[in-house]
């Protein structure tokens, strides 16, 4: 049956979801499966069906490694003015979004992150309110806590070094009351499979219910309106432009994609829309603003022959994950909880036949903000992304990363002293003063792949707000946003699990039309 025949069979949809990434897949499964709505889910990348279909590429299912760029959007942009080359800001173009393409770390952040959301005008988002949504998401995603015995030799080096540096070793990073803690991070991995949001929510039962239609390899162009209400969604599929009629739309294209759909629909800053000859439907200056990610820098090490041999032996056994252990740490700028993630990543270069070992340092409570806006009315054109890293005038984020690099070096020094690591290749031992470290950070700062807050949730009185506490776009009817772009402040966590939580949290009110 063709997609057009399917459309005729369903006659009409209760809701169209524009974007089949992590949040969109979860939301579609909930609305069609638990709430009985007729849902059209539109995804720009391929849909590989349920796990039982057997169509999923092995590299997307294998949780031990990060896949290549075969399912990437190809985004890039400005990380810092001192850098001469664009930085990759890639996101996954596939059903399930980045949950199909990431390191599977499943963290909640800190309870104060969510309580702060309430304090800035978003009732219903305190940690006690979102905790049930998190628990449901964790069950669906099969989140589990790895044992220390499961970690690789390199991850063990990092864990032991962190403990020696004074960071408390805890059982579960999601249940730790400590502001500083280190452990193998909780993961959404089931029997070695990256258990993404599509596998978790778009099950065979939901797919066969007759209430869900998935249009994959389909680009969402814009939303059509009459009297401030959606009447349809314009899509590009199979080289043709089509319109899907619908009374309600949820935009779920992520922090880079959701602002673009709104702007192409005539919702945003009049100056930006006018410059692109897009008719203004509704003025909302916050669209595309306040873009946030956790700025990060990477330290690289050369391993000893002993470590390389141990890692190769483990890899030959069939299970040698790239990411596992993570430390929550505190900088001199921290006022509560923690403000640093320090974590270890290994990788085997197939072409060179060599192991690569890295320590990532990220400021997880940054104050710098950026922006993302469309470059043209053509949905195929990539957006203009400027994260604005280290742009805060008080240099808060730079100071946090400076402290983080010093702490990472303390963590890894015992391994160098013991001969398990040969040397720090980057930035290198000669980068040993504040000025040299500052230059290193500015020249190498990049993303932690957690973009958020470009369609911020908040009261209508705030110039930076785009949606209210139920995800409803201010000033319009039956149009919502449901993904990481609505986070008013980015939580101190990887956004993998929070992106599913937001779908769980908003699904009941979306289904009820509230």
Protein backbone atom coordinates (compact mmCIF):
# COMPACT_ATOMS: atom_id res chain seq x y z
CA UNK A 1 0.00 0.00 0.00
CA UNK A 2 1.45 3.39 -1.01
CA UNK A 3 1.68 6.32 1.37
CA UNK A 4 -1.02 8.13 -0.60
CA UNK A 5 -3.33 5.12 -0.26
CA UNK A 6 -2.54 5.04 3.44
CA UNK A 7 -3.44 8.72 3.70
CA UNK A 8 -6.78 8.04 2.01
CA UNK A 9 -7.40 5.06 4.29
CA UNK A 10 -6.87 7.13 7.42
CA UNK A 11 -8.99 9.90 5.88
CA UNK A 12 -7.77 12.47 8.40
CA UNK A 13 -5.25 12.75 11.19
CA UNK A 14 -5.84 14.01 14.70
CA UNK A 15 -2.29 15.32 14.82
CA UNK A 16 0.77 15.62 12.61
CA UNK A 17 4.17 15.37 14.29
CA UNK A 18 6.89 17.16 12.32
CA UNK A 19 10.04 15.25 13.15
CA UNK A 20 10.62 11.59 13.99
CA UNK A 21 13.69 11.99 16.18
CA UNK A 22 14.03 11.02 19.83
CA UNK A 23 11.13 13.13 21.13
CA UNK A 24 8.97 12.78 18.02
CA UNK A 25 9.19 8.98 17.92
CA UNK A 26 8.33 8.70 21.59
CA UNK A 27 5.43 11.13 21.29
CA UNK A 28 3.99 9.41 18.22
CA UNK A 29 4.09 6.04 19.92
CA UNK A 30 2.37 7.41 23.02
CA UNK A 31 -0.36 9.31 21.17
CA UNK A 32 -1.19 6.47 18.77
CA UNK A 33 -0.59 3.61 21.17
CA UNK A 34 -1.86 4.79 24.55
CA UNK A 35 -4.19 7.67 23.69
CA UNK A 36 -5.83 6.31 20.53
CA UNK A 37 -5.14 9.29 18.26
CA UNK A 38 -4.62 9.06 14.51
CA UNK A 39 -1.06 10.26 14.06
CA UNK A 40 1.05 11.14 11.05
CA UNK A 41 4.76 11.11 11.94
CA UNK A 42 7.05 12.78 9.40
CA UNK A 43 10.76 11.96 9.41
CA UNK A 44 13.41 13.35 7.05
CA UNK A 45 15.50 10.19 7.27
CA UNK A 46 14.73 6.51 6.79
CA UNK A 47 12.41 4.42 8.95
CA UNK A 48 13.71 0.91 9.52
CA UNK A 49 10.62 -0.42 11.24
CA UNK A 50 10.58 -2.41 14.45
CA UNK A 51 13.51 -4.52 15.58
CA UNK A 52 11.64 -7.59 14.32
CA UNK A 53 11.77 -6.21 10.76
CA UNK A 54 15.45 -7.08 10.51
CA UNK A 55 16.05 -3.95 8.44
CA UNK A 56 18.06 -1.91 10.94
CA UNK A 57 21.69 -1.33 9.89
CA UNK A 58 24.05 -3.12 12.30
CA UNK A 59 26.04 0.06 12.97
CA UNK A 60 22.93 1.75 14.38
CA UNK A 61 22.05 -1.19 16.61
CA UNK A 62 25.59 -1.86 17.90
CA UNK A 63 25.81 0.08 21.16
CA UNK A 64 29.57 -0.43 21.48
CA UNK A 65 30.51 2.23 18.93
CA UNK A 66 29.28 5.57 17.62
CA UNK A 67 28.09 5.14 14.00
CA UNK A 68 29.70 6.94 11.09
CA UNK A 69 28.10 9.87 9.27
CA UNK A 70 25.88 7.72 7.04
CA UNK A 71 22.75 9.05 8.79
CA UNK A 72 23.93 12.59 9.52
CA UNK A 73 22.40 15.93 8.61
CA UNK A 74 25.79 17.43 7.83
CA UNK A 75 25.26 20.51 10.00
CA UNK A 76 28.19 22.76 10.86
CA UNK A 77 28.67 26.23 12.24
CA UNK A 78 30.59 28.60 14.46
CA UNK A 79 32.02 27.27 17.73
CA UNK A 80 34.36 30.16 18.56
CA UNK A 81 35.57 33.20 16.56
CA UNK A 82 39.21 32.15 16.99
CA UNK A 83 38.61 28.95 15.01
CA UNK A 84 39.24 29.19 11.28
CA UNK A 85 37.25 26.10 10.30
CA UNK A 86 33.56 25.33 10.84
CA UNK A 87 32.71 22.87 13.60
CA UNK A 88 30.54 19.82 12.97
CA UNK A 89 27.19 20.17 14.73
CA UNK A 90 25.79 16.96 13.35
CA UNK A 91 22.49 15.36 14.29
CA UNK A 92 21.09 12.00 13.21
CA UNK A 93 18.77 11.89 10.20
CA UNK A 94 16.93 8.65 10.91
CA UNK A 95 13.86 7.46 12.78
CA UNK A 96 14.61 7.74 16.49
CA UNK A 97 16.98 10.64 15.84
CA UNK A 98 20.10 10.84 17.96
CA UNK A 99 18.89 8.05 20.24
CA UNK A 100 19.68 5.83 17.23
CA UNK A 101 23.15 7.29 16.85
CA UNK A 102 24.64 8.20 20.25
CA UNK A 103 26.69 6.88 23.16
CA UNK A 104 23.58 5.66 25.04
CA UNK A 105 24.29 7.65 28.22
CA UNK A 106 20.99 8.02 30.12
CA UNK A 107 21.29 10.73 32.79
CA UNK A 108 18.69 12.90 34.53
CA UNK A 109 20.80 15.86 35.59
CA UNK A 110 20.17 17.47 38.98
CA UNK A 111 16.81 18.06 40.63
CA UNK A 112 17.58 21.77 40.95
CA UNK A 113 17.64 22.09 37.15
CA UNK A 114 13.93 21.30 36.98
CA UNK A 115 12.98 23.27 40.05
CA UNK A 116 14.61 26.26 38.35
CA UNK A 117 12.31 25.74 35.35
CA UNK A 118 9.37 26.33 37.68
CA UNK A 119 11.03 29.40 39.18
CA UNK A 120 11.28 31.04 35.74
CA UNK A 121 7.58 30.58 35.02
CA UNK A 122 6.95 26.96 34.02
CA UNK A 123 4.55 25.27 36.46
CA UNK A 124 4.43 21.50 36.42
CA UNK A 125 8.12 20.92 35.69
CA UNK A 126 9.60 20.56 39.18
CA UNK A 127 11.67 17.42 39.61
CA UNK A 128 8.92 15.74 41.61
CA UNK A 129 6.53 16.38 38.70
CA UNK A 130 8.81 15.08 35.93
CA UNK A 131 10.17 12.12 37.88
CA UNK A 132 7.25 9.81 36.92
CA UNK A 133 7.83 10.70 33.27
CA UNK A 134 11.50 9.85 33.66
CA UNK A 135 10.69 6.52 35.28
CA UNK A 136 8.37 5.59 32.40
CA UNK A 137 10.99 6.64 29.87
CA UNK A 138 13.70 4.66 31.63
CA UNK A 139 11.55 1.54 31.63
CA UNK A 140 10.73 1.86 27.93
CA UNK A 141 14.34 2.57 27.01
CA UNK A 142 15.53 -0.35 29.13
CA UNK A 143 17.93 1.86 31.05
CA UNK A 144 20.31 -0.12 33.22
CA UNK A 145 23.27 0.54 35.49
CA UNK A 146 26.44 -1.23 34.32
CA UNK A 147 28.68 -2.90 36.87
CA UNK A 148 32.27 -1.79 37.28
CA UNK A 149 33.31 -5.24 36.11
CA UNK A 150 31.88 -4.42 32.67
CA UNK A 151 34.11 -1.44 31.96
CA UNK A 152 37.06 -1.55 29.60
CA UNK A 153 40.70 -1.23 30.74
CA UNK A 154 40.86 2.41 29.62
CA UNK A 155 37.61 3.22 31.41
CA UNK A 156 39.04 1.54 34.52
CA UNK A 157 42.10 3.79 34.29
CA UNK A 158 39.84 6.83 34.25
CA UNK A 159 37.64 5.52 37.09
CA UNK A 160 40.60 4.77 39.33
CA UNK A 161 42.23 8.11 38.57
CA UNK A 162 39.03 9.98 39.39
CA UNK A 163 38.72 8.16 42.71
CA UNK A 164 42.38 8.92 43.54
CA UNK A 165 41.73 12.58 42.76
CA UNK A 166 39.05 12.67 45.45
CA UNK A 167 35.84 12.23 43.45
CA UNK A 168 33.48 9.87 45.33
CA UNK A 169 32.73 6.53 43.67
CA UNK A 170 28.95 5.96 43.67
CA UNK A 171 26.67 3.13 42.61
CA UNK A 172 24.40 5.12 40.30
CA UNK A 173 24.94 8.62 38.90
CA UNK A 174 21.16 9.09 38.66
CA UNK A 175 20.67 8.47 42.37
CA UNK A 176 23.65 10.29 43.77
CA UNK A 177 23.10 13.15 46.19
CA UNK A 178 26.78 13.97 45.96
CA UNK A 179 27.71 17.12 44.02
CA UNK A 180 30.82 15.20 42.91
CA UNK A 181 30.54 11.59 41.80
CA UNK A 182 32.05 9.07 39.38
CA UNK A 183 30.71 5.77 38.07
CA UNK A 184 29.87 3.88 34.94
CA UNK A 185 26.94 5.87 33.58
CA UNK A 186 23.43 4.41 33.20
CA UNK A 187 22.75 3.38 29.60
CA UNK A 188 19.84 2.49 27.32
CA UNK A 189 21.43 -0.73 26.08
CA UNK A 190 19.69 -4.10 25.88
CA UNK A 191 21.84 -7.14 25.05
CA UNK A 192 24.32 -4.93 23.22
CA UNK A 193 21.61 -3.14 21.23
CA UNK A 194 21.32 0.65 21.26
CA UNK A 195 17.69 0.69 22.44
CA UNK A 196 16.57 3.87 20.73
CA UNK A 197 13.29 5.74 21.03
CA UNK A 198 11.91 4.21 17.84
CA UNK A 199 12.47 0.67 19.09
CA UNK A 200 11.03 1.59 22.47
CA UNK A 201 7.90 3.45 21.36
CA UNK A 202 7.16 2.59 17.72
CA UNK A 203 6.56 -1.08 18.39
CA UNK A 204 4.95 -3.63 16.09
CA UNK A 205 1.71 -3.23 18.04
CA UNK A 206 1.64 0.53 17.54
CA UNK A 207 2.70 0.28 13.89
CA UNK A 208 -0.06 -2.24 13.18
CA UNK A 209 -2.77 -0.39 15.12
CA UNK A 210 -4.06 1.47 12.07
CA UNK A 211 -3.63 4.74 13.96
CA UNK A 212 -0.06 5.57 12.96
CA UNK A 213 1.35 6.49 9.59
CA UNK A 214 5.07 7.18 9.24
CA UNK A 215 6.27 9.20 6.27
CA UNK A 216 10.01 8.68 6.13
CA UNK A 217 12.50 10.34 3.78
CA UNK A 218 10.12 13.30 3.87
CA UNK A 219 11.07 16.92 4.55
CA UNK A 220 8.70 19.20 6.44
CA UNK A 221 8.64 22.57 4.74
CA UNK A 222 6.10 24.70 6.58
CA UNK A 223 2.78 24.82 8.40
CA UNK A 224 -0.29 26.44 6.84
CA UNK A 225 -2.63 28.58 8.96
CA UNK A 226 -6.08 30.08 8.95
CA UNK A 227 -7.05 32.44 11.76
CA UNK A 228 -3.98 31.49 13.78
CA UNK A 229 -4.81 27.75 13.57
CA UNK A 230 -3.01 25.07 11.54
CA UNK A 231 -4.82 23.74 8.50
CA UNK A 232 -2.07 21.59 7.08
CA UNK A 233 1.62 20.81 6.72
CA UNK A 234 3.52 21.22 3.46
CA UNK A 235 5.99 18.40 2.83
CA UNK A 236 8.55 17.50 0.17
CA UNK A 237 8.48 13.81 -0.71
CA UNK A 238 9.63 11.88 -3.79
CA UNK A 239 10.56 15.13 -5.50
CA UNK A 240 7.08 16.62 -5.14
CA UNK A 241 5.42 19.10 -2.81
CA UNK A 242 2.37 17.79 -0.99
CA UNK A 243 0.04 19.13 1.70
CA UNK A 244 -1.21 17.04 4.60
CA UNK A 245 -4.40 18.44 6.08
CA UNK A 246 -4.61 18.38 9.86
CA UNK A 247 -6.16 20.33 12.75
CA UNK A 248 -3.19 20.02 15.14
CA UNK A 249 0.56 20.07 14.66
CA UNK A 250 3.42 19.24 17.00
CA UNK A 251 6.85 20.39 15.86
CA UNK A 252 9.50 17.96 17.05
CA UNK A 253 12.50 18.53 14.79
CA UNK A 254 15.05 19.24 17.51
CA UNK A 255 16.91 22.32 18.63
CA UNK A 256 18.30 22.95 15.15
CA UNK A 257 15.23 21.94 13.13
CA UNK A 258 12.19 23.15 15.07
CA UNK A 259 13.02 26.88 14.81
CA UNK A 260 13.41 26.45 11.05
CA UNK A 261 9.96 24.94 10.59
CA UNK A 262 8.45 27.81 12.58
CA UNK A 263 10.38 30.43 10.63
CA UNK A 264 9.48 28.99 7.23
CA UNK A 265 5.87 29.03 8.45
CA UNK A 266 6.08 32.77 9.13
CA UNK A 267 6.60 32.55 12.90
CA UNK A 268 9.57 34.38 14.34
CA UNK A 269 11.49 37.62 14.28
CA UNK A 270 10.02 39.96 11.63
CA UNK A 271 13.45 41.26 10.65
CA UNK A 272 14.73 37.77 9.87
CA UNK A 273 11.59 36.74 8.00
CA UNK A 274 11.45 39.97 6.01
CA UNK A 275 15.07 39.55 4.93
CA UNK A 276 14.12 36.15 3.47
CA UNK A 277 10.86 37.39 1.92
CA UNK A 278 8.75 35.15 4.17
CA UNK A 279 5.31 36.47 5.04
CA UNK A 280 4.97 37.17 8.75
CA UNK A 281 2.15 35.11 10.26
CA UNK A 282 2.98 35.64 13.91
CA UNK A 283 5.74 37.62 15.61
CA UNK A 284 7.83 35.69 18.16
CA UNK A 285 11.32 37.11 18.51
CA UNK A 286 12.52 34.21 20.68
CA UNK A 287 12.37 31.66 17.84
CA UNK A 288 15.90 30.42 17.19
CA UNK A 289 17.42 32.41 20.02
CA UNK A 290 18.90 31.20 23.36
CA UNK A 291 20.52 28.15 21.69
CA UNK A 292 22.53 26.29 24.30
CA UNK A 293 24.87 23.33 24.41
CA UNK A 294 27.50 22.16 26.88
CA UNK A 295 30.83 23.51 25.56
CA UNK A 296 33.54 20.86 25.64
CA UNK A 297 37.23 20.37 24.97
CA UNK A 298 39.16 17.15 24.47
CA UNK A 299 42.44 15.91 25.91
CA UNK A 300 44.09 13.13 23.88
CA UNK A 301 46.51 10.47 25.10
CA UNK A 302 48.81 7.84 23.63
CA UNK A 303 48.41 4.44 25.22
CA UNK A 304 51.10 2.00 26.21
CA UNK A 305 51.60 -1.27 24.35
CA UNK A 306 50.17 -3.05 27.40
CA UNK A 307 46.96 -1.01 27.35
CA UNK A 308 46.58 -1.33 23.58
CA UNK A 309 46.94 -5.11 23.80
CA UNK A 310 44.36 -5.35 26.60
CA UNK A 311 41.92 -3.20 24.63
CA UNK A 312 42.46 -5.22 21.44
CA UNK A 313 41.87 -8.48 23.30
CA UNK A 314 38.62 -7.15 24.73
CA UNK A 315 37.56 -5.85 21.33
CA UNK A 316 38.19 -9.28 19.82
CA UNK A 317 35.77 -10.73 22.37
CA UNK A 318 32.99 -8.69 20.74
CA UNK A 319 32.18 -6.02 23.35
CA UNK A 320 34.38 -2.96 23.90
CA UNK A 321 32.25 0.19 24.30
CA UNK A 322 33.67 3.60 23.43
CA UNK A 323 31.96 5.43 26.32
CA UNK A 324 31.23 4.23 29.85
CA UNK A 325 32.57 6.09 32.90
CA UNK A 326 31.60 9.68 33.68
CA UNK A 327 32.53 12.02 36.51
CA UNK A 328 30.47 14.90 37.84
CA UNK A 329 32.88 17.54 39.09
CA UNK A 330 32.88 21.02 40.58
CA UNK A 331 34.78 24.07 39.33
CA UNK A 332 35.69 27.20 41.24
CA UNK A 333 32.70 28.89 39.55
CA UNK A 334 30.13 26.39 40.84
CA UNK A 335 27.45 27.74 43.17
CA UNK A 336 25.46 24.55 43.70
CA UNK A 337 25.49 20.86 42.75
CA UNK A 338 28.11 20.40 39.99
CA UNK A 339 29.05 22.16 36.76
CA UNK A 340 31.47 19.78 35.00
CA UNK A 341 31.27 16.48 33.17
CA UNK A 342 34.59 14.73 32.69
CA UNK A 343 34.43 11.43 30.83
CA UNK A 344 36.55 8.93 28.94
CA UNK A 345 36.19 7.85 25.31
CA UNK A 346 38.23 5.28 23.41
CA UNK A 347 38.16 4.35 19.76
CA UNK A 348 39.95 2.06 17.34
CA UNK A 349 41.09 3.57 14.04
CA UNK A 350 40.46 0.81 11.52
CA UNK A 351 42.54 2.46 8.79
CA UNK A 352 45.58 3.16 10.97
CA UNK A 353 45.16 0.09 13.18
CA UNK A 354 45.74 2.16 16.31
CA UNK A 355 43.88 2.97 19.51
CA UNK A 356 42.83 6.52 20.36
CA UNK A 357 42.19 7.60 23.96
CA UNK A 358 40.46 10.82 24.94
CA UNK A 359 39.17 12.63 28.00
CA UNK A 360 36.35 15.09 27.40
CA UNK A 361 35.76 18.06 29.67
CA UNK A 362 32.44 19.88 29.46
CA UNK A 363 30.88 22.85 31.22
CA UNK A 364 27.37 21.56 31.96
CA UNK A 365 25.93 24.75 33.47
CA UNK A 366 27.03 27.29 30.84
CA UNK A 367 25.90 30.90 30.70
CA UNK A 368 26.78 31.62 27.05
CA UNK A 369 23.96 31.53 24.51
CA UNK A 370 23.82 31.32 20.72
CA UNK A 371 21.28 31.18 17.93
CA UNK A 372 20.03 29.09 15.01
CA UNK A 373 18.09 30.54 12.07
CA UNK A 374 17.20 29.49 8.55
CA UNK A 375 19.41 30.69 5.71
CA UNK A 376 16.64 30.63 3.12
CA UNK A 377 13.02 29.49 2.69
CA UNK A 378 14.27 26.21 1.20
CA UNK A 379 14.00 23.42 3.82
CA UNK A 380 16.91 21.60 2.15
CA UNK A 381 19.29 24.44 3.01
CA UNK A 382 21.11 23.92 6.32
CA UNK A 383 20.48 26.47 9.08
CA UNK A 384 22.96 29.06 10.29
CA UNK A 385 24.16 27.78 13.66
CA UNK A 386 26.16 29.90 16.10
CA UNK A 387 26.46 28.38 19.55
CA UNK A 388 28.16 31.45 20.97
CA UNK A 389 30.49 29.34 23.09
CA UNK A 390 32.55 31.31 25.63
CA UNK A 391 30.75 34.52 24.63
CA UNK A 392 29.61 35.49 28.12
CA UNK A 393 31.47 38.69 29.05
CA UNK A 394 32.47 37.53 32.55
CA UNK A 395 34.30 34.53 31.01
CA UNK A 396 32.43 32.17 33.34
CA UNK A 397 32.38 29.25 30.89
CA UNK A 398 36.07 29.65 30.05
CA UNK A 399 36.96 29.59 33.75
CA UNK A 400 34.91 26.41 34.24
CA UNK A 401 36.69 24.65 31.37
CA UNK A 402 40.10 25.80 32.64
CA UNK A 403 39.35 24.19 35.99
CA UNK A 404 38.01 21.10 34.24
CA UNK A 405 41.13 20.58 32.14
CA UNK A 406 43.30 20.83 35.25
CA UNK A 407 41.10 18.29 37.04
CA UNK A 408 41.19 15.95 34.04
CA UNK A 409 44.97 16.08 34.05
CA UNK A 410 45.05 15.20 37.75
CA UNK A 411 42.77 12.25 37.04
CA UNK A 412 45.00 10.90 34.29
CA UNK A 413 48.41 11.58 35.84
CA UNK A 414 48.55 8.33 37.87
CA UNK A 415 48.16 6.34 34.64
CA UNK A 416 51.03 8.28 33.05
CA UNK A 417 53.17 7.75 36.16
CA UNK A 418 52.41 4.01 36.05
CA UNK A 419 53.28 3.80 32.34
CA UNK A 420 49.74 2.78 31.27
CA UNK A 421 49.59 5.95 29.19
CA UNK A 422 52.71 7.15 27.41
CA UNK A 423 51.92 10.84 27.09
CA UNK A 424 49.31 13.56 26.74
CA UNK A 425 49.31 14.25 23.03
CA UNK A 426 46.90 17.21 23.14
CA UNK A 427 47.15 19.87 24.39
CA UNK A 428 50.53 18.44 25.50
CA UNK A 429 52.62 18.84 28.62
CA UNK A 430 54.13 22.09 27.36
CA UNK A 431 50.69 23.77 27.48
CA UNK A 432 51.10 24.48 31.17
CA UNK A 433 50.17 28.10 31.83
CA UNK A 434 46.79 29.78 32.11
CA UNK A 435 47.37 31.76 28.91
CA UNK A 436 48.36 28.65 26.94
CA UNK A 437 45.41 26.67 28.29
CA UNK A 438 43.06 29.53 27.51
CA UNK A 439 44.28 29.60 23.89
CA UNK A 440 43.92 25.82 23.67
CA UNK A 441 40.33 25.97 24.89
CA UNK A 442 39.34 28.80 22.57
CA UNK A 443 40.92 27.08 19.56
CA UNK A 444 39.36 23.69 20.32
CA UNK A 445 36.06 24.25 22.11
CA UNK A 446 33.20 22.30 20.56
CA UNK A 447 29.84 20.79 21.35
CA UNK A 448 28.82 17.95 23.65
CA UNK A 449 26.01 17.19 21.14
CA UNK A 450 23.28 18.45 23.48
CA UNK A 451 21.69 21.40 21.62
CA UNK A 452 18.63 22.84 23.34
CA UNK A 453 16.57 25.91 24.26
CA UNK A 454 16.06 27.46 20.80
CA UNK A 455 12.25 27.51 21.31
CA UNK A 456 12.32 28.22 25.02
CA UNK A 457 9.47 27.42 27.34
CA UNK A 458 8.31 30.30 29.52
CA UNK A 459 5.60 32.88 30.17
CA UNK A 460 4.29 34.97 27.29
CA UNK A 461 5.65 38.08 29.00
CA UNK A 462 9.20 36.91 28.33
CA UNK A 463 10.71 38.11 25.04
CA UNK A 464 12.79 34.94 24.78
CA UNK A 465 9.87 32.51 25.25
CA UNK A 466 8.30 30.63 22.35
CA UNK A 467 6.03 28.11 24.10
CA UNK A 468 4.19 27.88 27.40
CA UNK A 469 4.54 25.18 30.04
CA UNK A 470 2.43 22.78 27.94
CA UNK A 471 4.51 23.31 24.81
CA UNK A 472 1.86 25.52 23.15
CA UNK A 473 3.27 28.21 20.88
CA UNK A 474 2.41 31.61 22.32
CA UNK A 475 -0.37 33.42 20.47
CA UNK A 476 -1.36 30.51 18.22
CA UNK A 477 -3.84 27.67 18.57
CA UNK A 478 -3.25 23.91 18.25
CA UNK A 479 0.46 24.30 17.53
CA UNK A 480 3.02 22.90 19.94
CA UNK A 481 6.71 22.13 20.17
CA UNK A 482 7.90 18.98 21.91
CA UNK A 483 11.65 18.36 21.98
CA UNK A 484 14.83 19.65 23.61
CA UNK A 485 14.35 23.08 22.02
CA UNK A 486 11.76 23.98 24.67
CA UNK A 487 14.06 23.45 27.67
CA UNK A 488 14.20 26.87 29.37
CA UNK A 489 17.64 26.04 30.78
CA UNK A 490 19.70 23.08 29.65
CA UNK A 491 19.93 20.47 32.40
CA UNK A 492 23.25 19.15 33.68
CA UNK A 493 22.90 15.92 31.75
CA UNK A 494 23.14 14.33 28.34
CA UNK A 495 19.87 15.09 26.53
CA UNK A 496 19.21 11.51 25.40
CA UNK A 497 16.87 10.61 28.27
CA UNK A 498 15.43 14.13 28.82
CA UNK A 499 14.33 14.21 25.16
CA UNK A 500 12.15 11.18 25.85
CA UNK A 501 10.98 12.53 29.20
CA UNK A 502 9.56 15.65 27.57
CA UNK A 503 7.42 13.50 25.26
CA UNK A 504 6.19 11.39 28.18
CA UNK A 505 5.44 14.53 30.17
CA UNK A 506 3.52 16.39 27.45
CA UNK A 507 1.72 13.48 25.79
CA UNK A 508 -1.37 13.51 28.08
CA UNK A 509 -2.05 17.23 27.61
CA UNK A 510 -1.42 16.99 23.85
CA UNK A 511 -3.81 14.04 23.59
CA UNK A 512 -6.45 15.91 25.56
CA UNK A 513 -6.04 19.04 23.45
CA UNK A 514 -5.40 21.15 26.53
